[in-house]
């Protein structure tokens, strides 16, 4: 069976944790002892949100704070599900949960429609280039299962999607609390002729990674038998095999792969995202932070970047502020040269800004204190992303996608 990674998105109280609980419960993916524990803690009926909200603060406040990961399987597919928080204060956690997702499950309250936080989450899904988005219009029971309420939510989302280039959007009306259209088709919405949510999750195609030259950020250098030097790391893109022509960046030294090993030993070929160690034909000076790339489409080393960032730091950032930029395994000093625009979620415009505040999404320019070899994020997620780190606190303050 193949694997689908999905992340929930949407505003607080739209019912994400309840939906995930319902999905796990109706798909019989809840262990008996876990179900018994939830039943003991439930006050009125079975509180399905407790199946995912595991922190004490989450149970006390009735909100999701951290990303809760759950894995389950059906006869047709395996799933890794990230239940992301909807509260604006925890948008940074949503970025983390959605960064590896194949599909975003965006919940919209049928009564409230799109909120600012829902718009923010949808924009993040678009920026992360998530290929599939299922919009679950939830709480249909509270609007009498009316088709008009569903159509209004669909219209709002489609208008937003056109403005932020969100593609691959599908819509399913549900009631997470009562299980309508979650695992089984609901008789209460005869006007809807599509599949229930679980069936669609089982059939959404998982596309293989785009064809791309090899990218191996060097994690460490190992001494092998006879003093041979092996470069080890997690392959970020492409494949590696003996005989491949490669270049070591940013130095630009060209050589050839002599031997490849994976976790089981010598291998003919290793494909991303597996961990690998390679021995090069020439005695190349290698160190952590360098990038081994295929010669055919190797990215040029740069000291300036244009990027889109999601600001995660509590302290605002202004032009000329300094940070550490971590790209793959390489860390270099970085300076914020300018903010070219910060998205306005009401108008979907990118007006000028002189600072970045918590949860802002903005286009920025960065000047680096050392060279890195990045790809555009649209071409390679593994080598097109970076984080910014506060030098004083070591906190991660931004997640960036190279434009």
Protein backbone atom coordinates (compact mmCIF):
# COMPACT_ATOMS: atom_id res chain seq x y z
CA UNK A 1 0.00 0.00 0.00
CA UNK A 2 1.15 3.53 -0.68
CA UNK A 3 1.31 6.28 1.95
CA UNK A 4 -0.64 9.54 2.05
CA UNK A 5 0.47 12.34 4.35
CA UNK A 6 -2.29 14.79 5.15
CA UNK A 7 -2.60 17.83 7.39
CA UNK A 8 -5.70 19.54 8.74
CA UNK A 9 -6.16 23.28 8.36
CA UNK A 10 -8.75 25.84 9.30
CA UNK A 11 -9.77 28.19 12.06
CA UNK A 12 -10.16 27.39 15.74
CA UNK A 13 -13.44 25.62 16.61
CA UNK A 14 -14.11 24.57 13.02
CA UNK A 15 -14.00 20.96 14.26
CA UNK A 16 -10.65 19.62 13.07
CA UNK A 17 -9.91 17.46 16.10
CA UNK A 18 -13.48 16.17 16.19
CA UNK A 19 -13.26 15.24 12.51
CA UNK A 20 -10.01 13.37 13.01
CA UNK A 21 -11.45 11.61 16.02
CA UNK A 22 -14.55 10.65 14.03
CA UNK A 23 -12.41 9.44 11.13
CA UNK A 24 -10.29 7.24 13.40
CA UNK A 25 -13.30 6.00 15.38
CA UNK A 26 -15.50 5.10 12.40
CA UNK A 27 -12.56 3.58 10.51
CA UNK A 28 -11.93 1.39 13.60
CA UNK A 29 -8.40 2.77 13.94
CA UNK A 30 -8.64 3.48 17.69
CA UNK A 31 -7.10 1.08 20.21
CA UNK A 32 -9.48 -0.27 22.83
CA UNK A 33 -7.48 1.08 25.79
CA UNK A 34 -7.26 4.52 24.17
CA UNK A 35 -11.02 4.55 23.55
CA UNK A 36 -11.67 3.54 27.16
CA UNK A 37 -9.44 6.38 28.38
CA UNK A 38 -11.33 8.92 26.22
CA UNK A 39 -14.70 7.60 27.39
CA UNK A 40 -13.64 8.12 31.00
CA UNK A 41 -12.67 11.75 30.33
CA UNK A 42 -15.67 12.65 28.17
CA UNK A 43 -18.27 14.76 29.97
CA UNK A 44 -21.27 14.59 27.62
CA UNK A 45 -21.24 11.64 25.25
CA UNK A 46 -18.02 10.62 23.48
CA UNK A 47 -15.66 13.60 23.04
CA UNK A 48 -13.89 12.58 19.84
CA UNK A 49 -11.47 15.53 19.99
CA UNK A 50 -9.75 13.88 22.97
CA UNK A 51 -8.44 11.20 20.61
CA UNK A 52 -6.01 13.76 19.17
CA UNK A 53 -5.71 16.54 21.77
CA UNK A 54 -3.20 14.93 24.09
CA UNK A 55 -1.70 17.87 26.01
CA UNK A 56 -3.25 18.73 29.36
CA UNK A 57 -3.55 22.40 28.30
CA UNK A 58 -5.40 21.31 25.17
CA UNK A 59 -7.94 19.29 27.13
CA UNK A 60 -8.45 22.07 29.65
CA UNK A 61 -8.89 24.85 27.07
CA UNK A 62 -10.65 22.80 24.41
CA UNK A 63 -8.20 23.85 21.68
CA UNK A 64 -5.35 22.24 19.76
CA UNK A 65 -1.94 23.73 20.56
CA UNK A 66 0.69 21.38 19.16
CA UNK A 67 0.61 19.29 15.99
CA UNK A 68 -0.79 15.84 16.84
CA UNK A 69 0.36 13.06 14.51
CA UNK A 70 -1.69 9.92 14.03
CA UNK A 71 -1.01 7.00 11.73
CA UNK A 72 -3.65 4.52 10.60
CA UNK A 73 -4.41 2.27 7.68
CA UNK A 74 -7.36 0.98 5.70
CA UNK A 75 -7.29 -2.00 3.33
CA UNK A 76 -6.50 0.43 0.50
CA UNK A 77 -3.92 2.88 1.91
CA UNK A 78 -1.74 3.93 4.83
CA UNK A 79 -2.06 7.44 6.31
CA UNK A 80 0.01 9.78 8.44
CA UNK A 81 -2.26 12.54 9.66
CA UNK A 82 -1.17 15.84 11.22
CA UNK A 83 -3.88 17.58 13.25
CA UNK A 84 -2.72 21.21 13.13
CA UNK A 85 -3.93 23.92 15.53
CA UNK A 86 -6.39 26.51 14.27
CA UNK A 87 -5.74 29.28 16.78
CA UNK A 88 -3.90 32.27 15.26
CA UNK A 89 -1.29 32.14 18.02
CA UNK A 90 -0.18 28.69 16.83
CA UNK A 91 0.00 29.32 13.09
CA UNK A 92 3.70 28.43 13.25
CA UNK A 93 2.70 24.89 14.26
CA UNK A 94 0.43 24.64 11.23
CA UNK A 95 3.39 25.51 8.98
CA UNK A 96 5.35 22.67 10.57
CA UNK A 97 2.56 20.12 10.19
CA UNK A 98 1.76 21.03 6.58
CA UNK A 99 5.36 21.23 5.34
CA UNK A 100 5.51 17.50 4.48
CA UNK A 101 1.86 16.97 3.49
CA UNK A 102 0.63 15.54 0.20
CA UNK A 103 -2.88 16.78 0.94
CA UNK A 104 -4.40 19.57 3.00
CA UNK A 105 -7.77 18.97 4.65
CA UNK A 106 -9.23 22.44 5.10
CA UNK A 107 -12.26 22.68 7.38
CA UNK A 108 -14.79 25.46 6.95
CA UNK A 109 -17.67 26.06 9.37
CA UNK A 110 -20.89 26.03 7.32
CA UNK A 111 -22.28 28.82 9.52
CA UNK A 112 -19.28 31.18 9.67
CA UNK A 113 -17.71 30.58 6.27
CA UNK A 114 -14.10 31.55 5.66
CA UNK A 115 -12.47 33.32 8.60
CA UNK A 116 -9.18 35.23 8.46
CA UNK A 117 -7.36 32.26 9.97
CA UNK A 118 -8.89 29.91 7.41
CA UNK A 119 -7.68 32.25 4.68
CA UNK A 120 -4.22 32.29 6.26
CA UNK A 121 -4.07 28.48 6.37
CA UNK A 122 -5.24 28.20 2.76
CA UNK A 123 -2.55 30.68 1.72
CA UNK A 124 0.10 28.65 3.53
CA UNK A 125 -1.10 25.51 1.72
CA UNK A 126 -0.76 27.34 -1.59
CA UNK A 127 2.73 28.63 -0.75
CA UNK A 128 3.83 25.14 0.31
CA UNK A 129 2.65 23.86 -3.09
CA UNK A 130 0.41 21.19 -1.59
CA UNK A 131 -1.02 19.48 -4.65
CA UNK A 132 -4.37 18.32 -3.26
CA UNK A 133 -6.79 20.27 -1.08
CA UNK A 134 -10.06 18.85 0.21
CA UNK A 135 -12.38 21.44 1.72
CA UNK A 136 -14.66 19.78 4.27
CA UNK A 137 -17.62 22.08 4.91
CA UNK A 138 -18.33 21.03 8.50
CA UNK A 139 -21.25 21.42 10.91
CA UNK A 140 -23.82 20.92 8.18
CA UNK A 141 -26.15 19.62 10.90
CA UNK A 142 -26.27 23.14 12.37
CA UNK A 143 -27.58 24.62 9.09
CA UNK A 144 -30.18 21.92 8.53
CA UNK A 145 -28.02 20.16 5.93
CA UNK A 146 -28.95 22.95 3.50
CA UNK A 147 -27.33 22.84 0.07
CA UNK A 148 -27.40 26.65 -0.06
CA UNK A 149 -25.06 26.90 2.95
CA UNK A 150 -22.66 24.46 1.29
CA UNK A 151 -22.75 26.36 -2.00
CA UNK A 152 -22.00 29.64 -0.20
CA UNK A 153 -18.91 28.13 1.46
CA UNK A 154 -17.77 26.72 -1.89
CA UNK A 155 -18.11 30.14 -3.52
CA UNK A 156 -16.01 31.80 -0.80
CA UNK A 157 -13.24 29.22 -1.10
CA UNK A 158 -13.14 29.36 -4.90
CA UNK A 159 -12.81 33.17 -4.80
CA UNK A 160 -9.91 32.83 -2.38
CA UNK A 161 -8.29 30.02 -4.39
CA UNK A 162 -8.29 32.17 -7.53
CA UNK A 163 -6.45 34.93 -5.67
CA UNK A 164 -3.74 32.77 -4.09
CA UNK A 165 -3.25 30.17 -6.87
CA UNK A 166 -4.58 27.32 -4.74
CA UNK A 167 -5.07 24.35 -7.05
CA UNK A 168 -6.60 20.89 -6.89
CA UNK A 169 -9.49 21.94 -4.60
CA UNK A 170 -12.41 19.57 -3.91
CA UNK A 171 -15.44 20.01 -1.63
CA UNK A 172 -17.29 17.59 0.67
CA UNK A 173 -20.18 18.55 3.02
CA UNK A 174 -19.85 16.80 6.39
CA UNK A 175 -20.89 16.72 10.01
CA UNK A 176 -17.92 15.50 12.01
CA UNK A 177 -19.96 15.28 15.19
CA UNK A 178 -22.56 12.93 13.70
CA UNK A 179 -20.35 11.24 11.10
CA UNK A 180 -22.21 12.42 7.99
CA UNK A 181 -20.09 11.85 4.85
CA UNK A 182 -16.98 11.09 6.90
CA UNK A 183 -16.65 7.33 6.44
CA UNK A 184 -20.11 6.48 5.09
CA UNK A 185 -22.41 8.37 2.72
CA UNK A 186 -25.07 10.40 4.52
CA UNK A 187 -28.74 10.08 3.70
CA UNK A 188 -29.33 13.57 5.10
CA UNK A 189 -27.68 15.25 2.07
CA UNK A 190 -29.21 13.53 -0.93
CA UNK A 191 -28.23 16.53 -3.06
CA UNK A 192 -24.54 15.60 -2.69
CA UNK A 193 -23.54 12.79 -5.08
CA UNK A 194 -19.80 12.64 -4.36
CA UNK A 195 -17.81 10.19 -2.23
CA UNK A 196 -17.49 10.40 1.56
CA UNK A 197 -14.26 11.81 2.94
CA UNK A 198 -12.45 8.54 3.71
CA UNK A 199 -13.17 7.11 0.28
CA UNK A 200 -11.73 10.21 -1.36
CA UNK A 201 -8.65 10.06 0.86
CA UNK A 202 -8.16 6.47 -0.23
CA UNK A 203 -8.29 7.33 -3.93
CA UNK A 204 -6.45 10.67 -4.19
CA UNK A 205 -3.38 9.98 -6.35
CA UNK A 206 0.01 10.36 -4.68
CA UNK A 207 2.32 11.66 -7.38
CA UNK A 208 5.94 10.53 -7.44
CA UNK A 209 8.54 13.26 -6.87
CA UNK A 210 9.30 15.45 -9.88
CA UNK A 211 12.22 14.30 -12.00
CA UNK A 212 15.17 16.16 -10.59
CA UNK A 213 18.92 15.81 -10.43
CA UNK A 214 20.44 14.42 -7.26
CA UNK A 215 20.78 16.67 -4.22
CA UNK A 216 22.68 15.31 -1.20
CA UNK A 217 23.28 17.75 1.68
CA UNK A 218 26.33 16.36 3.49
CA UNK A 219 25.44 15.56 7.09
CA UNK A 220 28.80 14.11 8.11
CA UNK A 221 31.95 12.58 6.64
CA UNK A 222 32.80 9.02 7.68
CA UNK A 223 36.15 7.22 7.51
CA UNK A 224 35.75 3.72 6.09
CA UNK A 225 38.01 0.76 5.42
CA UNK A 226 41.46 1.70 4.22
CA UNK A 227 40.86 5.34 5.12
CA UNK A 228 38.20 5.84 2.42
CA UNK A 229 36.04 8.92 2.99
CA UNK A 230 32.27 8.59 2.76
CA UNK A 231 29.82 11.50 2.59
CA UNK A 232 26.62 10.65 4.45
CA UNK A 233 23.25 12.37 4.54
CA UNK A 234 19.59 12.23 3.56
CA UNK A 235 19.04 12.48 -0.18
CA UNK A 236 16.87 15.57 -0.68
CA UNK A 237 16.00 14.98 -4.34
CA UNK A 238 16.72 12.68 -7.26
CA UNK A 239 18.69 9.44 -7.30
CA UNK A 240 22.35 8.50 -6.91
CA UNK A 241 24.22 5.56 -8.41
CA UNK A 242 27.83 4.62 -9.05
CA UNK A 243 29.25 6.40 -12.08
CA UNK A 244 27.13 9.56 -11.75
CA UNK A 245 28.92 12.83 -12.51
CA UNK A 246 28.48 15.19 -9.57
CA UNK A 247 29.70 18.56 -8.34
CA UNK A 248 30.44 19.55 -4.76
CA UNK A 249 28.92 22.93 -3.88
CA UNK A 250 29.67 25.70 -3.16
CA UNK A 251 33.32 24.87 -4.01
CA UNK A 252 32.41 23.73 -7.55
CA UNK A 253 34.76 20.71 -7.58
CA UNK A 254 33.58 18.08 -10.09
CA UNK A 255 34.02 14.36 -9.59
CA UNK A 256 32.19 11.05 -9.97
CA UNK A 257 30.38 8.71 -7.58
CA UNK A 258 32.45 5.56 -7.01
CA UNK A 259 30.14 3.65 -4.66
CA UNK A 260 26.74 4.06 -3.01
CA UNK A 261 25.43 2.52 0.21
CA UNK A 262 22.06 2.65 1.93
CA UNK A 263 21.03 1.35 5.35
CA UNK A 264 21.34 -2.26 4.13
CA UNK A 265 24.79 -1.95 2.57
CA UNK A 266 26.03 -1.52 -1.02
CA UNK A 267 23.28 -0.43 -3.40
CA UNK A 268 22.97 -0.01 -7.15
CA UNK A 269 20.78 3.08 -6.75
CA UNK A 270 19.32 5.13 -3.90
CA UNK A 271 16.30 7.39 -4.33
CA UNK A 272 15.17 10.39 -2.26
CA UNK A 273 14.24 10.70 0.56
CA UNK A 274 16.36 7.78 1.84
CA UNK A 275 19.58 8.21 3.79
CA UNK A 276 22.71 7.34 1.86
CA UNK A 277 26.49 7.36 2.04
CA UNK A 278 28.63 7.83 -1.07
CA UNK A 279 32.30 7.43 -1.85
CA UNK A 280 33.67 9.72 -4.53
CA UNK A 281 36.34 8.73 -7.06
CA UNK A 282 38.58 11.70 -6.22
CA UNK A 283 39.94 12.79 -2.85
CA UNK A 284 37.65 15.80 -2.52
CA UNK A 285 37.78 17.94 0.62
CA UNK A 286 34.30 17.43 2.09
CA UNK A 287 32.63 18.79 5.21
CA UNK A 288 29.19 19.06 6.77
CA UNK A 289 27.06 21.69 5.03
CA UNK A 290 28.30 21.07 1.49
CA UNK A 291 25.96 19.84 -1.23
CA UNK A 292 26.65 17.03 -3.69
CA UNK A 293 24.56 17.68 -6.81
CA UNK A 294 24.12 16.18 -10.26
CA UNK A 295 26.24 18.02 -12.80
CA UNK A 296 23.41 18.35 -15.33
CA UNK A 297 21.21 20.73 -13.31
CA UNK A 298 23.35 21.80 -10.37
CA UNK A 299 22.13 25.06 -8.76
CA UNK A 300 24.54 27.99 -8.78
CA UNK A 301 25.92 29.14 -5.39
CA UNK A 302 24.47 32.49 -4.32
CA UNK A 303 24.86 35.12 -1.59
CA UNK A 304 21.51 36.86 -2.18
CA UNK A 305 18.00 35.38 -2.00
CA UNK A 306 14.45 36.36 -2.87
CA UNK A 307 12.05 34.32 -0.78
CA UNK A 308 8.60 34.08 0.73
CA UNK A 309 8.67 33.66 4.50
CA UNK A 310 6.16 32.77 7.19
CA UNK A 311 7.22 34.76 10.24
CA UNK A 312 7.14 32.58 13.35
CA UNK A 313 8.98 34.77 15.84
CA UNK A 314 7.36 36.60 18.73
CA UNK A 315 9.66 39.59 18.21
CA UNK A 316 9.06 41.66 15.03
CA UNK A 317 11.78 41.78 12.38
CA UNK A 318 12.90 44.90 10.56
CA UNK A 319 15.25 45.68 7.72
CA UNK A 320 18.96 45.16 8.52
CA UNK A 321 18.17 42.64 11.28
CA UNK A 322 20.61 39.74 11.38
CA UNK A 323 19.90 36.02 11.66
CA UNK A 324 21.35 32.61 10.92
CA UNK A 325 19.98 30.93 7.80
CA UNK A 326 19.88 27.11 7.78
CA UNK A 327 19.57 25.55 4.33
CA UNK A 328 19.80 21.78 4.40
CA UNK A 329 22.79 21.04 6.58
CA UNK A 330 24.50 24.38 5.88
CA UNK A 331 24.19 27.38 8.22
CA UNK A 332 25.34 30.88 7.21
CA UNK A 333 24.81 34.41 8.58
CA UNK A 334 21.96 36.32 6.94
CA UNK A 335 20.67 39.90 6.92
CA UNK A 336 17.15 41.04 6.07
CA UNK A 337 17.73 43.46 3.21
CA UNK A 338 14.12 44.39 2.61
CA UNK A 339 10.44 43.42 2.75
CA UNK A 340 8.94 43.60 -0.74
CA UNK A 341 5.36 43.00 0.38
CA UNK A 342 3.27 41.46 3.15
CA UNK A 343 0.02 39.72 2.26
CA UNK A 344 -3.23 41.35 3.30
CA UNK A 345 -5.68 38.48 3.85
CA UNK A 346 -8.68 40.74 3.35
CA UNK A 347 -7.71 41.98 -0.12
CA UNK A 348 -5.10 39.32 -1.06
CA UNK A 349 -2.79 42.15 -2.07
CA UNK A 350 0.88 42.45 -1.11
CA UNK A 351 1.27 46.01 0.25
CA UNK A 352 4.66 47.38 1.32
CA UNK A 353 5.73 46.78 4.92
CA UNK A 354 8.63 47.89 7.08
CA UNK A 355 8.50 44.99 9.56
CA UNK A 356 7.42 41.39 9.98
CA UNK A 357 5.14 40.38 12.85
CA UNK A 358 4.03 37.00 14.18
CA UNK A 359 2.11 34.98 11.53
CA UNK A 360 2.91 37.43 8.71
CA UNK A 361 3.57 36.01 5.24
CA UNK A 362 5.84 38.24 3.16
CA UNK A 363 8.19 38.47 0.19
CA UNK A 364 11.68 39.36 1.39
CA UNK A 365 15.24 39.85 0.19
CA UNK A 366 18.15 38.37 2.14
CA UNK A 367 21.91 38.91 1.93
CA UNK A 368 24.04 36.01 3.12
CA UNK A 369 27.41 35.89 4.85
CA UNK A 370 28.36 32.72 2.96
CA UNK A 371 27.33 30.91 -0.19
CA UNK A 372 24.52 28.36 -0.42
CA UNK A 373 23.31 26.39 -3.46
CA UNK A 374 19.50 26.48 -3.45
CA UNK A 375 16.82 25.48 -5.92
CA UNK A 376 13.52 27.35 -6.35
CA UNK A 377 10.99 25.84 -3.94
CA UNK A 378 8.61 25.15 -6.82
CA UNK A 379 11.21 22.79 -8.34
CA UNK A 380 12.55 21.08 -5.23
CA UNK A 381 11.01 21.35 -1.78
CA UNK A 382 14.01 19.72 -0.13
CA UNK A 383 16.57 22.25 -1.36
CA UNK A 384 14.22 25.19 -1.90
CA UNK A 385 13.32 25.68 1.76
CA UNK A 386 15.18 27.21 4.69
CA UNK A 387 14.66 28.49 8.22
CA UNK A 388 15.87 31.65 9.93
CA UNK A 389 17.26 31.36 13.45
CA UNK A 390 17.60 34.07 16.08
CA UNK A 391 21.32 34.24 16.93
CA UNK A 392 20.69 35.25 20.54
CA UNK A 393 18.00 32.74 21.53
CA UNK A 394 18.52 30.00 18.91
CA UNK A 395 14.77 30.12 18.24
CA UNK A 396 13.44 29.40 14.75
CA UNK A 397 11.80 32.67 13.71
CA UNK A 398 10.87 32.09 10.05
CA UNK A 399 10.24 29.35 7.54
CA UNK A 400 11.19 30.37 4.01
CA UNK A 401 10.59 29.23 0.43
CA UNK A 402 13.03 30.42 -2.21
CA UNK A 403 11.52 32.23 -5.16
